[in-house]
Every structure is written in structure tokens, then in C-alpha cells.
Amino acid sequence: MDVFQESTPAYSGRLSLEAQLKDSTLQPFFRWSNRFQWLPCEVEFTRQESSSTEVRITSYINNLHPKNRQAYAAIEKLISLSVEPWNSVLIKDTTSRYPLRIKTYGFEQSDMNDRYEPKNPNHYEYTLPDGHWTNETWDRYIVQVQEYLALPEPGSKFEIVDHDPSLPKEPEDLLGAMKLEKLSWPSAEALRELLDFKWGRLHTFIYPQAGISYSYEDWKKGKTANPIIEKSKGRSAASAPNGLLGDHMYQTICLQDEFREKGLQVVVRVSSIELTPETPVYTSDSDFHVDGFLNEHIVATSRYYYDVENVNSRISFQQEDDLNISDYPEEPDAFHKIFGIPYSIDYSEFHRLGFPKKLQALGSLVAKEGRFMAWPNTLRYKTEPVSLKDQSRPGHQRCVIVYLVDPHYRICSTRNVPPQRHDWWRDAVLATEGALPAKLPGELVNLIMSKTDDWPMGSTEAARYKKEDKEERDNAMIAQTARIGYHDFEIF
């Protein structure tokens, strides 16, 4: 791992490290490192045509010797193929590249409960003569309960209000859970509970669909000002994200034009995961995150899976959102389903009972052989556990990852830092024609080399720095997640 400066982080003696990571005033310090930085290589465009994305690596890739010419040529090809996808995903300021395909500030409730409400037996007891049950009225009530519980259900994903996990678990088969007992208060209460469960299953909404408030052609032109359901008047246009209100303004990014003379900086990593029947699962990411320290200025990632055999693997994505409850006239119960808001809630953190973090789930992609992915470093992602498909035989997953450094910046690269590996230095010295080692006996050469130890850096020292770097990056990930705010509404 690459080291530029030695210094001790200025930790406060009054707070534990965990407390500092969650302190909003200290989080930026943990997301920036004054000790470690990935070393990018320099990349230049090789042709003057504006349409060309062909590139050449002009400084070595850290830990990949330039003598591996075929590997360098393949990576140059991958970088060239990454330029246009990066052009498509990078953004300027806070304006989205593409308008919302579905714009809405609420949801439409289905009419299922309205249609079935007359059949709800809960109203039956209010029609009893003198307000009292008899065996005859109870028998008629039982029949109505059975008919109501037998009504078709649209499915849990359409339910507006989810079951409260603090309450007893609902039986899957409500009709089957019904016990035919004689008239009594306990039996009446048991039936009311089943009826309440059924009402919740029928209290449903209709998922918003594309093409309702504006057509596909209008969407392509950016004419997307009209939502399906209008927003409330809780937030001014000045406080809303760019492009959320009014029509969309498209933007164009062309790295090969804007930075043809200046070139790019990229960090290249090669990942290989080997699984065996003895170790059938590998877990890499503990949480969603974006890549790099702030001082590394990573703005986009591309990833190519070139060799995948007998493994299951996915990458999941999420993003921070700006959902403001005052914009939405409807009750927010179903928002986590419509907008992909995480439903798992940490009740202890900040004592924000029932408040989910401001995150939106975007889905996942299968990491299969031949798949190329590119995304902006504004998206949080997580590599899900990799596991064997057939656990009786080994499997593997190999990919190349390329991180784009914000080309508006220039950070320390392999143009500035000579190779740090001892074996590279030793081989270069021994291969230099006319140098002293070439004129000496082998015994003397070995003696001289033994006195150099591991200069400039050996595997033991590199492993120590790698461990310290990982600790800093783990802390940066915690601080990164801790800074995410909470929605100001309860889902339950």
C-alpha cells in the first residue's frame, strides 16, 4: 500500500473512536486521510479526433510491472471502453443526468376496501337488536366472518400499512386460523383481531406507472414538469434539488473532448476470489459505501468480470435521497415500498424511534462473466457475499476495477512516485547494462544485495501499512454512513 506521509491522527481524548465517527463535526476528518492514498496511473488520449476514446497508460500501474505488456494493453482497452459509460453516468452539481420516468408526490389507494367494506363483519354488531348478541345473531356473524376472510388478497407488497413487528405475528391463512367457538367475549375478540388483519391486507395502493402524467416522447425531451400526484406546498422551489421542479435540463459530459490534452488519472485494481468446498462463501463488503477517501477524488467506477466460474454473486446499489415529507399529501406508510426506502430500522441510534435513514434502494446486478458495469461515485454499493453454486467443486470470480479520479484535480500519481517494491528495484539494478553488479562475481552481488534489506519497501512493511490503511478506510466507511440523515416520518 502506498504511503506518502507519516503523522498521527488528532483524536480527541474526551470521545471514544466510535463516538467520534458518529460526531457530525468530526466525520469529515475521518473521510480524509493525510497518511494514505491510492496511487493512480496517468492516461493520455492517443488520437486527436473528438470521437476517439483510445488511450495509452503513460506511467506504471502500481504493483503491475510494465513488462506485462499484454496486461497493460488489455487494461488500456478497458479504460478506453469505460470513457463513454463514464460520460453517461457523471453529473455536474446536483442535476440528474436523466429526468424521473415516474414523477409523483404520493400514491393512489385501491378501491378494494371500499368495495369490500359493506361485507366487513365489524359493522354487524352495531345492528344487533338492543345491542346484545344472541346465539342466532352469533351464528350469522360467524358466516359473515368466514365470507370476509375468504375474500381474495392482492399480496403484501400492495399493503399500505405493514404489520407492526412488535405485535403478535399474523397467521398466513386467516380463514384457517379461525376457530368456531360459542359466543363469548374472548372468541369475539379473537375474531376481531383476524378481521383487523384482513382489513390491513385489503387496505392497498396502486403502484405509480410510467406514461401517466407525461409520455415517453415528452420524457426524452425533458418535458417532465407534471407529476402524477401534485406536491404539497411545504417546500419552495429554491430548496428543491435541480430538475425536481419544472422541466428537465439535459447536460452533456465528454471526457475525451474536455481532457484530451490534460489526460486522465485512474486507479486500477485486480480482484480474484477463489472458493473451495471447504470455504464455499466469501464476504467482502460489510456495508454499502462509496469508494475512496475524500483526498482521492474518485468520481466514477467501472468493473469488468472477465472470468467467473461456479459462483453466485451480485452487487447491490442504493443512493441518498432528498425525500421531504412535507411535499407529500398522502400518509407515508407505503413510501418504503414505492420509493425503495430501507425498512430495517435501528431504534437505538440517536433515539430516532422508527425513523429510517435517507437512503433509497436501487436494486442489484448479477456479477456474471463478461459483464461490464459503470456507475458514478455518488451511488453507494455493496458486493453481496460470493458463494459456490455447486458446493462439491471449486469456483472463482476475477475482475478488473478502474476508478476515475476527478479530472478537474491532479493528485499524486505514479508519475511522481517511483516504484516502491524491492524486487522491482533489484531486478532493474541487475539488468542495467554496464552497472557495477554486471562486472562482479555473483557471490559479491548477492552480498551487496543482502545489505540493502527490503529497500525501498518489502512485503512485511507493505503488509503493515496495508493493515493500517484498511483500518482508516473502515473508519471512513463508518463515518460516511453515520453522516446520512434520517427521514422525519415514521413508517410503522
Protein backbone atom coordinates (compact mmCIF):
# COMPACT_ATOMS: atom_id res chain seq x y z
CA MET A 1 0.00 0.00 0.00
CA ASP A 2 1.21 3.48 -0.82
CA VAL A 3 2.44 5.81 1.90
CA PHE A 4 3.21 9.48 1.44
CA GLN A 5 3.37 10.97 4.94
CA GLU A 6 3.76 9.76 8.48
CA SER A 7 1.63 11.54 11.05
CA THR A 8 -0.65 10.72 13.95
CA PRO A 9 -4.39 11.43 13.63
CA ALA A 10 -5.56 14.10 16.07
CA TYR A 11 -8.06 12.03 18.05
CA SER A 12 -9.88 13.71 20.90
CA GLY A 13 -9.16 12.19 24.29
CA ARG A 14 -12.67 13.05 25.50
CA LEU A 15 -14.54 10.87 22.99
CA SER A 16 -14.19 7.23 22.05
CA LEU A 17 -13.32 6.44 18.44
CA GLU A 18 -16.86 5.15 17.87
CA ALA A 19 -18.33 8.39 19.21
CA GLN A 20 -16.01 10.48 17.04
CA LEU A 21 -17.02 8.56 13.92
CA LYS A 22 -20.64 9.48 14.58
CA ASP A 23 -19.93 13.10 15.51
CA SER A 24 -21.04 15.24 12.55
CA THR A 25 -18.31 17.81 13.25
CA LEU A 26 -15.55 15.17 13.14
CA GLN A 27 -16.77 12.91 10.32
CA PRO A 28 -15.02 14.84 7.51
CA PHE A 29 -11.67 14.30 9.22
CA PHE A 30 -12.14 10.52 9.11
CA ARG A 31 -13.17 10.59 5.46
CA TRP A 32 -9.93 12.36 4.53
CA SER A 33 -6.54 10.74 5.06
CA ASN A 34 -3.23 12.52 5.48
CA ARG A 35 -1.38 9.18 5.51
CA PHE A 36 -2.75 7.08 2.68
CA GLN A 37 -3.84 7.47 -0.92
CA TRP A 38 -4.41 5.10 -3.80
CA LEU A 39 -1.76 5.71 -6.47
CA PRO A 40 -3.35 6.35 -9.86
CA CYS A 41 -1.55 5.97 -13.15
CA GLU A 42 -1.53 8.63 -15.84
CA VAL A 43 -3.55 8.09 -19.01
CA GLU A 44 -3.43 10.09 -22.24
CA PHE A 45 -5.68 10.08 -25.29
CA THR A 46 -3.75 8.86 -28.32
CA ARG A 47 -5.75 10.41 -31.15
CA GLN A 48 -6.94 13.93 -31.84
CA GLU A 49 -10.38 13.01 -33.18
CA SER A 50 -13.03 14.10 -30.69
CA SER A 51 -14.89 10.83 -31.12
CA SER A 52 -11.88 8.70 -30.22
CA THR A 53 -11.56 7.30 -26.70
CA GLU A 54 -8.37 5.33 -27.34
CA VAL A 55 -5.88 5.80 -24.51
CA ARG A 56 -2.33 4.91 -23.53
CA ILE A 57 -1.03 4.44 -19.99
CA THR A 58 1.98 6.73 -19.59
CA SER A 59 3.06 5.86 -16.03
CA TYR A 60 3.19 2.44 -14.43
CA ILE A 61 0.22 0.81 -12.73
CA ASN A 62 1.06 0.37 -9.07
CA ASN A 63 2.09 -3.25 -8.38
CA LEU A 64 1.82 -4.27 -12.05
CA HIS A 65 5.23 -4.33 -13.73
CA PRO A 66 5.38 -2.66 -17.18
CA LYS A 67 6.99 -5.83 -18.54
CA ASN A 68 3.47 -7.33 -18.50
CA ARG A 69 2.70 -5.73 -21.83
CA GLN A 70 -0.34 -7.81 -22.67
CA ALA A 71 -1.93 -6.94 -19.33
CA TYR A 72 -1.24 -3.24 -19.91
CA ALA A 73 -2.76 -3.43 -23.40
CA ALA A 74 -5.89 -5.13 -22.05
CA ILE A 75 -6.27 -2.55 -19.28
CA GLU A 76 -5.81 0.29 -21.78
CA LYS A 77 -8.62 -1.24 -23.82
CA LEU A 78 -10.82 -1.43 -20.72
CA ILE A 79 -10.13 2.22 -19.86
CA SER A 80 -10.95 3.22 -23.44
CA LEU A 81 -14.24 1.34 -23.24
CA SER A 82 -15.01 2.97 -19.87
CA VAL A 83 -14.87 6.56 -21.15
CA GLU A 84 -18.28 6.64 -22.84
CA PRO A 85 -20.09 4.91 -19.94
CA TRP A 86 -18.45 7.42 -17.59
CA ASN A 87 -19.71 10.20 -19.86
CA SER A 88 -23.20 8.77 -19.37
CA VAL A 89 -23.15 8.50 -15.57
CA LEU A 90 -21.15 11.51 -14.38
CA ILE A 91 -23.13 14.54 -13.23
CA LYS A 92 -22.47 18.22 -12.72
CA ASP A 93 -23.61 19.82 -9.48
CA THR A 94 -26.84 18.24 -8.22
CA THR A 95 -28.66 17.94 -11.53
CA SER A 96 -29.56 14.39 -12.52
CA ARG A 97 -28.46 13.22 -15.96
CA TYR A 98 -31.94 11.98 -16.78
CA PRO A 99 -35.39 13.10 -15.61
CA LEU A 100 -37.60 10.92 -13.46
CA ARG A 101 -39.50 8.41 -15.58
CA ILE A 102 -42.22 8.41 -12.93
CA LYS A 103 -42.74 11.66 -11.01
CA THR A 104 -45.25 11.61 -8.19
CA TYR A 105 -45.72 13.02 -4.71
CA GLY A 106 -47.97 10.29 -3.42
CA PHE A 107 -49.85 7.17 -4.34
CA GLU A 108 -53.37 6.20 -5.30
CA GLN A 109 -55.24 3.93 -2.95
CA SER A 110 -57.04 0.98 -4.48
CA ASP A 111 -60.81 0.75 -4.09
CA MET A 112 -60.62 -2.78 -2.71
CA ASN A 113 -61.54 -1.84 0.85
CA ASP A 114 -64.30 0.45 -0.39
CA ARG A 115 -65.80 -2.41 -2.41
CA TYR A 116 -65.48 -4.93 0.38
CA GLU A 117 -66.28 -2.63 3.30
CA PRO A 118 -70.03 -3.42 3.25
CA LYS A 119 -69.05 -7.06 3.81
CA ASN A 120 -66.87 -6.24 6.81
CA PRO A 121 -68.49 -8.01 9.79
CA ASN A 122 -67.11 -5.39 12.18
CA HIS A 123 -70.21 -3.34 11.42
CA TYR A 124 -72.53 -6.22 12.22
CA GLU A 125 -72.59 -5.81 15.98
CA TYR A 126 -73.83 -2.23 15.61
CA THR A 127 -77.02 -3.57 14.00
CA LEU A 128 -77.83 -6.03 16.77
CA PRO A 129 -81.29 -5.67 18.37
CA ASP A 130 -80.86 -3.82 21.68
CA GLY A 131 -77.08 -4.06 21.13
CA HIS A 132 -76.91 -7.62 22.51
CA TRP A 133 -75.69 -10.87 20.97
CA THR A 134 -77.85 -13.95 20.76
CA ASN A 135 -76.89 -17.42 19.61
CA GLU A 136 -78.76 -16.79 16.36
CA THR A 137 -77.05 -13.46 15.63
CA TRP A 138 -73.70 -15.00 16.57
CA ASP A 139 -74.16 -17.82 14.03
CA ARG A 140 -74.97 -15.29 11.29
CA TYR A 141 -71.91 -13.28 12.35
CA ILE A 142 -69.67 -16.36 12.03
CA VAL A 143 -70.86 -16.89 8.45
CA GLN A 144 -70.09 -13.26 7.55
CA VAL A 145 -66.63 -13.52 9.11
CA GLN A 146 -65.89 -16.63 7.06
CA GLU A 147 -67.02 -14.94 3.85
CA TYR A 148 -64.96 -11.82 4.60
CA LEU A 149 -61.80 -13.75 5.47
CA ALA A 150 -62.16 -15.76 2.24
CA LEU A 151 -62.02 -12.63 0.02
CA PRO A 152 -59.04 -12.58 -2.41
CA GLU A 153 -55.96 -10.59 -1.35
CA PRO A 154 -53.67 -8.66 -3.73
CA GLY A 155 -50.45 -9.51 -1.85
CA SER A 156 -48.32 -7.98 0.89
CA LYS A 157 -46.32 -5.75 -1.47
CA PHE A 158 -49.50 -3.74 -2.12
CA GLU A 159 -50.43 -3.25 1.55
CA ILE A 160 -50.31 0.38 2.67
CA VAL A 161 -49.56 -0.41 6.31
CA ASP A 162 -47.20 -3.26 7.11
CA HIS A 163 -47.64 -5.46 10.12
CA ASP A 164 -46.11 -4.00 13.28
CA PRO A 165 -43.32 -6.41 14.31
CA SER A 166 -43.87 -5.53 17.96
CA LEU A 167 -47.33 -7.17 17.78
CA PRO A 168 -48.11 -10.91 17.54
CA LYS A 169 -47.33 -12.38 14.13
CA GLU A 170 -50.22 -12.68 11.71
CA PRO A 171 -51.24 -16.18 10.62
CA GLU A 172 -50.73 -16.68 6.89
CA ASP A 173 -54.12 -18.36 6.46
CA LEU A 174 -56.62 -16.18 8.31
CA LEU A 175 -59.59 -18.37 7.43
CA GLY A 176 -57.74 -21.48 8.58
CA ALA A 177 -56.81 -19.75 11.83
CA MET A 178 -60.46 -19.06 12.63
CA LYS A 179 -61.82 -21.19 15.47
CA LEU A 180 -65.55 -21.91 15.52
CA GLU A 181 -66.37 -21.31 19.17
CA LYS A 182 -69.51 -20.49 21.05
CA LEU A 183 -70.50 -16.95 21.84
CA SER A 184 -68.11 -15.37 24.36
CA TRP A 185 -66.09 -12.20 24.76
CA PRO A 186 -62.72 -13.99 24.20
CA SER A 187 -63.97 -15.62 20.99
CA ALA A 188 -65.38 -12.29 19.77
CA GLU A 189 -62.04 -10.54 20.44
CA ALA A 190 -60.16 -13.29 18.59
CA LEU A 191 -62.38 -12.81 15.54
CA ARG A 192 -61.97 -9.02 15.66
CA GLU A 193 -58.19 -9.49 15.54
CA LEU A 194 -58.50 -11.66 12.42
CA LEU A 195 -60.80 -9.07 10.85
CA ASP A 196 -58.27 -6.32 11.57
CA PHE A 197 -55.56 -8.39 9.90
CA LYS A 198 -57.82 -8.88 6.87
CA TRP A 199 -58.63 -5.17 6.66
CA GLY A 200 -54.89 -4.41 6.56
CA ARG A 201 -54.40 -6.88 3.73
CA LEU A 202 -57.17 -5.23 1.72
CA HIS A 203 -56.01 -1.68 2.54
CA THR A 204 -53.82 -1.43 -0.55
CA PHE A 205 -52.40 1.03 -3.06
CA ILE A 206 -51.71 1.11 -6.79
CA TYR A 207 -48.07 1.39 -7.80
CA PRO A 208 -47.41 4.52 -9.92
CA GLN A 209 -46.80 3.69 -13.57
CA ALA A 210 -44.80 5.45 -16.28
CA GLY A 211 -46.61 7.33 -19.02
CA ILE A 212 -49.48 8.69 -16.93
CA SER A 213 -48.53 12.34 -16.44
CA TYR A 214 -46.18 12.61 -19.44
CA SER A 215 -45.39 10.36 -22.39
CA TYR A 216 -42.14 8.63 -23.24
CA GLU A 217 -41.53 11.18 -26.01
CA ASP A 218 -42.03 14.04 -23.55
CA TRP A 219 -39.65 12.32 -21.13
CA LYS A 220 -36.93 12.14 -23.80
CA LYS A 221 -37.39 15.88 -24.43
CA GLY A 222 -37.23 16.70 -20.71
CA LYS A 223 -40.84 17.88 -20.55
CA THR A 224 -41.44 16.33 -17.15
CA ALA A 225 -42.87 19.13 -15.04
CA ASN A 226 -46.22 17.44 -14.41
CA PRO A 227 -46.30 14.80 -11.65
CA ILE A 228 -48.97 12.11 -11.32
CA ILE A 229 -49.95 13.49 -7.91
CA GLU A 230 -49.13 17.12 -7.17
CA LYS A 231 -46.77 18.03 -4.35
CA SER A 232 -47.86 19.81 -1.22
CA LYS A 233 -46.83 23.41 -0.67
CA GLY A 234 -44.32 22.51 2.02
CA ARG A 235 -41.10 23.38 0.21
CA SER A 236 -40.13 26.24 -2.04
CA ALA A 237 -38.60 25.72 -5.46
CA ALA A 238 -35.35 27.25 -4.20
CA SER A 239 -34.85 24.45 -1.67
CA ALA A 240 -35.67 21.59 -4.05
CA PRO A 241 -32.93 19.72 -5.97
CA ASN A 242 -32.20 20.90 -9.50
CA GLY A 243 -34.54 19.34 -12.04
CA LEU A 244 -37.06 18.13 -9.48
CA LEU A 245 -39.41 21.02 -10.15
CA GLY A 246 -40.21 22.13 -13.69
CA ASP A 247 -38.87 20.62 -16.90
CA HIS A 248 -35.55 18.80 -17.00
CA MET A 249 -32.41 20.41 -18.42
CA TYR A 250 -30.16 17.79 -20.03
CA GLN A 251 -26.40 18.07 -19.68
CA THR A 252 -23.56 16.65 -21.75
CA ILE A 253 -20.21 15.39 -20.50
CA CYS A 254 -17.43 14.39 -22.88
CA LEU A 255 -14.21 13.45 -21.11
CA GLN A 256 -12.33 12.84 -24.37
CA ASP A 257 -13.03 16.41 -25.50
CA GLU A 258 -12.61 18.33 -22.27
CA PHE A 259 -9.50 16.48 -21.09
CA ARG A 260 -7.88 15.38 -24.34
CA GLU A 261 -4.77 17.48 -23.72
CA LYS A 262 -4.66 17.04 -19.97
CA GLY A 263 -5.40 13.33 -19.86
CA LEU A 264 -6.94 11.30 -17.05
CA GLN A 265 -5.83 9.63 -13.85
CA VAL A 266 -7.18 6.19 -12.97
CA VAL A 267 -6.63 3.69 -10.19
CA VAL A 268 -6.54 0.08 -11.35
CA ARG A 269 -7.27 -2.89 -9.12
CA VAL A 270 -7.46 -6.58 -9.97
CA SER A 271 -9.67 -8.74 -7.76
CA SER A 272 -9.62 -12.53 -7.55
CA ILE A 273 -11.87 -14.57 -5.25
CA GLU A 274 -11.17 -18.31 -5.01
CA LEU A 275 -13.71 -20.59 -3.32
CA THR A 276 -13.46 -24.28 -2.43
CA PRO A 277 -15.86 -26.82 -0.91
CA GLU A 278 -14.09 -26.13 2.39
CA THR A 279 -14.61 -22.34 2.07
CA PRO A 280 -17.80 -22.02 -0.03
CA VAL A 281 -18.65 -18.39 0.90
CA TYR A 282 -16.66 -15.14 0.78
CA THR A 283 -17.93 -11.90 2.31
CA SER A 284 -16.14 -8.71 1.28
CA ASP A 285 -18.31 -5.64 1.95
CA SER A 286 -19.86 -5.24 5.38
CA ASP A 287 -21.99 -2.26 4.35
CA PHE A 288 -22.91 -0.02 1.44
CA HIS A 289 -20.31 2.64 0.67
CA VAL A 290 -18.76 4.90 -1.94
CA ASP A 291 -15.15 4.39 -2.94
CA GLY A 292 -12.09 6.18 -1.69
CA PHE A 293 -11.04 8.84 0.77
CA LEU A 294 -12.09 12.40 0.01
CA ASN A 295 -8.47 13.23 -0.84
CA GLU A 296 -8.56 10.61 -3.62
CA HIS A 297 -11.37 12.40 -5.52
CA ILE A 298 -12.87 9.23 -7.02
CA VAL A 299 -15.85 10.21 -9.20
CA ALA A 300 -16.71 7.05 -11.14
CA THR A 301 -16.04 3.33 -11.26
CA SER A 302 -16.04 0.72 -13.98
CA ARG A 303 -15.81 -3.00 -13.34
CA TYR A 304 -15.33 -5.88 -15.77
CA TYR A 305 -15.81 -9.54 -14.80
CA TYR A 306 -13.54 -11.44 -17.15
CA ASP A 307 -13.52 -14.89 -15.51
CA VAL A 308 -16.40 -16.24 -13.40
CA GLU A 309 -16.86 -19.95 -12.73
CA ASN A 310 -19.34 -21.75 -10.46
CA VAL A 311 -20.19 -18.83 -8.16
CA ASN A 312 -23.25 -16.75 -7.29
CA SER A 313 -22.53 -13.05 -6.90
CA ARG A 314 -24.42 -9.76 -7.02
CA ILE A 315 -23.71 -6.06 -6.48
CA SER A 316 -26.46 -4.04 -4.80
CA PHE A 317 -26.87 -0.27 -5.09
CA GLN A 318 -28.50 2.47 -3.08
CA GLN A 319 -28.37 6.26 -3.02
CA GLU A 320 -29.02 9.08 -0.59
CA ASP A 321 -32.34 10.75 -1.24
CA ASP A 322 -33.96 14.08 -0.53
CA LEU A 323 -37.48 12.87 0.20
CA ASN A 324 -39.22 15.63 2.12
CA ILE A 325 -42.40 14.51 3.85
CA SER A 326 -43.91 17.99 3.58
CA ASP A 327 -44.01 17.53 -0.22
CA TYR A 328 -46.30 14.51 0.02
CA PRO A 329 -50.01 14.92 0.78
CA GLU A 330 -50.57 11.20 1.45
CA GLU A 331 -49.73 9.39 4.66
CA PRO A 332 -46.21 7.95 4.32
CA ASP A 333 -47.00 4.35 5.31
CA ALA A 334 -46.29 2.81 1.89
CA PHE A 335 -43.40 5.09 0.91
CA HIS A 336 -40.74 2.50 1.69
CA LYS A 337 -42.25 0.24 -0.99
CA ILE A 338 -42.87 2.89 -3.63
CA PHE A 339 -39.56 4.73 -3.25
CA GLY A 340 -37.33 1.85 -2.08
CA ILE A 341 -36.60 3.27 1.38
CA PRO A 342 -34.85 0.72 3.63
CA TYR A 343 -37.31 -0.80 6.06
CA SER A 344 -34.89 -2.13 8.71
CA ILE A 345 -34.68 0.46 11.46
CA ASP A 346 -32.15 0.87 14.27
CA TYR A 347 -34.27 2.01 17.18
CA SER A 348 -31.35 2.89 19.45
CA GLU A 349 -29.35 5.13 17.13
CA PHE A 350 -29.87 8.77 18.04
CA HIS A 351 -33.09 7.74 19.74
CA ARG A 352 -34.87 8.34 16.44
CA LEU A 353 -37.61 5.78 17.05
CA GLY A 354 -38.91 4.43 13.78
CA PHE A 355 -37.05 6.90 11.55
CA PRO A 356 -35.27 5.26 8.57
CA LYS A 357 -32.08 6.68 7.07
CA LYS A 358 -32.36 8.85 3.98
CA LEU A 359 -31.43 6.05 1.61
CA GLN A 360 -33.16 4.59 -1.43
CA ALA A 361 -32.63 1.02 -2.65
CA LEU A 362 -31.96 0.87 -6.40
CA GLY A 363 -31.69 -2.90 -6.92
CA SER A 364 -28.82 -5.21 -7.79
CA LEU A 365 -26.94 -6.71 -10.73
CA VAL A 366 -25.63 -10.23 -11.20
CA ALA A 367 -21.83 -10.29 -11.41
CA LYS A 368 -21.51 -12.77 -14.28
CA GLU A 369 -18.69 -13.44 -16.71
CA GLY A 370 -18.42 -10.82 -19.45
CA ARG A 371 -20.46 -8.23 -17.57
CA PHE A 372 -19.24 -4.63 -17.62
CA MET A 373 -20.62 -2.11 -15.13
CA ALA A 374 -20.06 1.61 -14.68
CA TRP A 375 -21.52 3.93 -12.06
CA PRO A 376 -20.86 7.35 -10.52
CA ASN A 377 -19.29 7.52 -7.09
CA THR A 378 -22.46 9.19 -5.82
CA LEU A 379 -24.06 5.73 -5.64
CA ARG A 380 -23.46 3.57 -2.60
CA TYR A 381 -22.85 -0.07 -3.41
CA LYS A 382 -22.21 -3.36 -1.68
CA THR A 383 -20.74 -6.57 -3.05
CA GLU A 384 -23.02 -9.27 -1.72
CA PRO A 385 -21.46 -12.49 -0.34
CA VAL A 386 -19.98 -14.67 -3.09
CA SER A 387 -20.93 -18.34 -2.80
CA LEU A 388 -20.44 -21.57 -4.73
CA LYS A 389 -23.27 -22.72 -6.98
CA ASP A 390 -22.17 -26.35 -6.81
CA GLN A 391 -20.56 -26.78 -3.40
CA SER A 392 -18.92 -30.05 -4.42
CA ARG A 393 -16.39 -28.31 -6.68
CA PRO A 394 -14.31 -25.10 -6.54
CA GLY A 395 -15.18 -21.81 -8.19
CA HIS A 396 -13.74 -18.34 -8.71
CA GLN A 397 -14.53 -14.77 -9.67
CA ARG A 398 -11.98 -12.45 -11.27
CA CYS A 399 -12.50 -8.86 -12.29
CA VAL A 400 -10.68 -5.62 -13.10
CA ILE A 401 -11.83 -2.42 -11.38
CA VAL A 402 -10.98 1.05 -12.69
CA TYR A 403 -11.59 4.15 -10.57
CA LEU A 404 -11.65 7.54 -12.29
CA VAL A 405 -10.05 10.42 -10.41
CA ASP A 406 -11.92 13.70 -10.86
CA PRO A 407 -10.03 15.12 -13.88
CA HIS A 408 -10.53 18.65 -12.58
CA TYR A 409 -7.97 17.72 -9.90
CA ARG A 410 -4.48 16.26 -10.13
CA ILE A 411 -3.40 14.03 -7.25
CA CYS A 412 -0.07 12.36 -6.60
CA SER A 413 0.36 9.53 -9.11
CA THR A 414 2.91 7.01 -10.33
CA ARG A 415 4.32 9.84 -12.43
CA ASN A 416 5.54 11.35 -9.14
CA VAL A 417 6.25 8.24 -7.04
CA PRO A 418 8.87 5.73 -8.20
CA PRO A 419 8.13 2.01 -7.81
CA GLN A 420 8.30 1.03 -4.15
CA ARG A 421 8.78 -2.72 -4.46
CA HIS A 422 12.22 -4.13 -3.57
CA ASP A 423 12.05 -6.93 -6.14
CA TRP A 424 11.44 -4.42 -8.95
CA TRP A 425 14.40 -2.32 -7.87
CA ARG A 426 16.68 -5.35 -7.51
CA ASP A 427 15.77 -6.74 -10.95
CA ALA A 428 16.28 -3.31 -12.54
CA VAL A 429 19.73 -2.90 -10.98
CA LEU A 430 20.87 -6.36 -12.02
CA ALA A 431 19.58 -5.86 -15.56
CA THR A 432 21.30 -2.49 -16.09
CA GLU A 433 23.98 -2.93 -18.72
CA GLY A 434 27.39 -1.61 -17.65
CA ALA A 435 26.38 -1.25 -14.00
CA LEU A 436 28.75 -2.48 -11.30
CA PRO A 437 26.79 -5.66 -10.43
CA ALA A 438 27.29 -6.87 -14.01
CA LYS A 439 31.06 -6.72 -13.53
CA LEU A 440 31.20 -8.52 -10.19
CA PRO A 441 31.08 -12.19 -9.27
CA GLY A 442 27.66 -13.49 -8.27
CA GLU A 443 28.75 -14.04 -4.65
CA LEU A 444 29.65 -10.36 -4.25
CA VAL A 445 26.45 -9.25 -5.95
CA ASN A 446 24.37 -11.34 -3.53
CA LEU A 447 26.34 -9.96 -0.59
CA ILE A 448 25.76 -6.37 -1.71
CA MET A 449 22.06 -7.00 -2.29
CA SER A 450 21.68 -8.59 1.13
CA LYS A 451 22.84 -5.32 2.70
CA THR A 452 20.00 -3.39 1.04
CA ASP A 453 17.42 -5.27 3.13
CA ASP A 454 13.98 -4.61 1.62
CA TRP A 455 14.67 -1.09 0.36
CA PRO A 456 12.62 0.81 -0.71
CA MET A 457 9.84 -1.38 0.73
CA GLY A 458 9.47 -5.08 1.44
CA SER A 459 6.46 -7.31 1.85
CA THR A 460 6.46 -7.15 5.67
CA GLU A 461 6.44 -3.35 5.76
CA ALA A 462 3.85 -3.21 2.97
CA ALA A 463 1.58 -5.64 4.84
CA ARG A 464 1.77 -3.44 7.95
CA TYR A 465 0.83 -0.33 6.01
CA LYS A 466 -1.94 -2.22 4.23
CA LYS A 467 -3.43 -3.18 7.60
CA GLU A 468 -3.28 0.42 8.85
CA ASP A 469 -4.76 1.68 5.59
CA LYS A 470 -7.66 -0.78 5.91
CA GLU A 471 -8.35 0.43 9.45
CA GLU A 472 -8.54 4.03 8.23
CA ARG A 473 -10.81 3.06 5.34
CA ASP A 474 -13.08 1.06 7.64
CA ASN A 475 -13.39 4.11 9.89
CA ALA A 476 -14.04 6.31 6.86
CA MET A 477 -16.86 3.97 5.81
CA ILE A 478 -18.43 4.17 9.28
CA ALA A 479 -18.18 7.98 9.26
CA GLN A 480 -19.58 8.06 5.74
CA THR A 481 -22.67 6.10 6.77
CA ALA A 482 -23.07 7.96 10.07
CA ARG A 483 -23.40 11.32 8.30
CA ILE A 484 -26.52 10.20 6.42
CA GLY A 485 -29.62 11.84 7.83
CA TYR A 486 -32.97 10.38 8.78
CA HIS A 487 -36.41 10.75 7.28
CA ASP A 488 -38.64 12.82 9.52
CA PHE A 489 -41.58 10.44 9.41
CA GLU A 490 -42.40 7.07 10.90
CA ILE A 491 -43.13 4.13 8.64
CA PHE A 492 -44.97 2.00 11.17
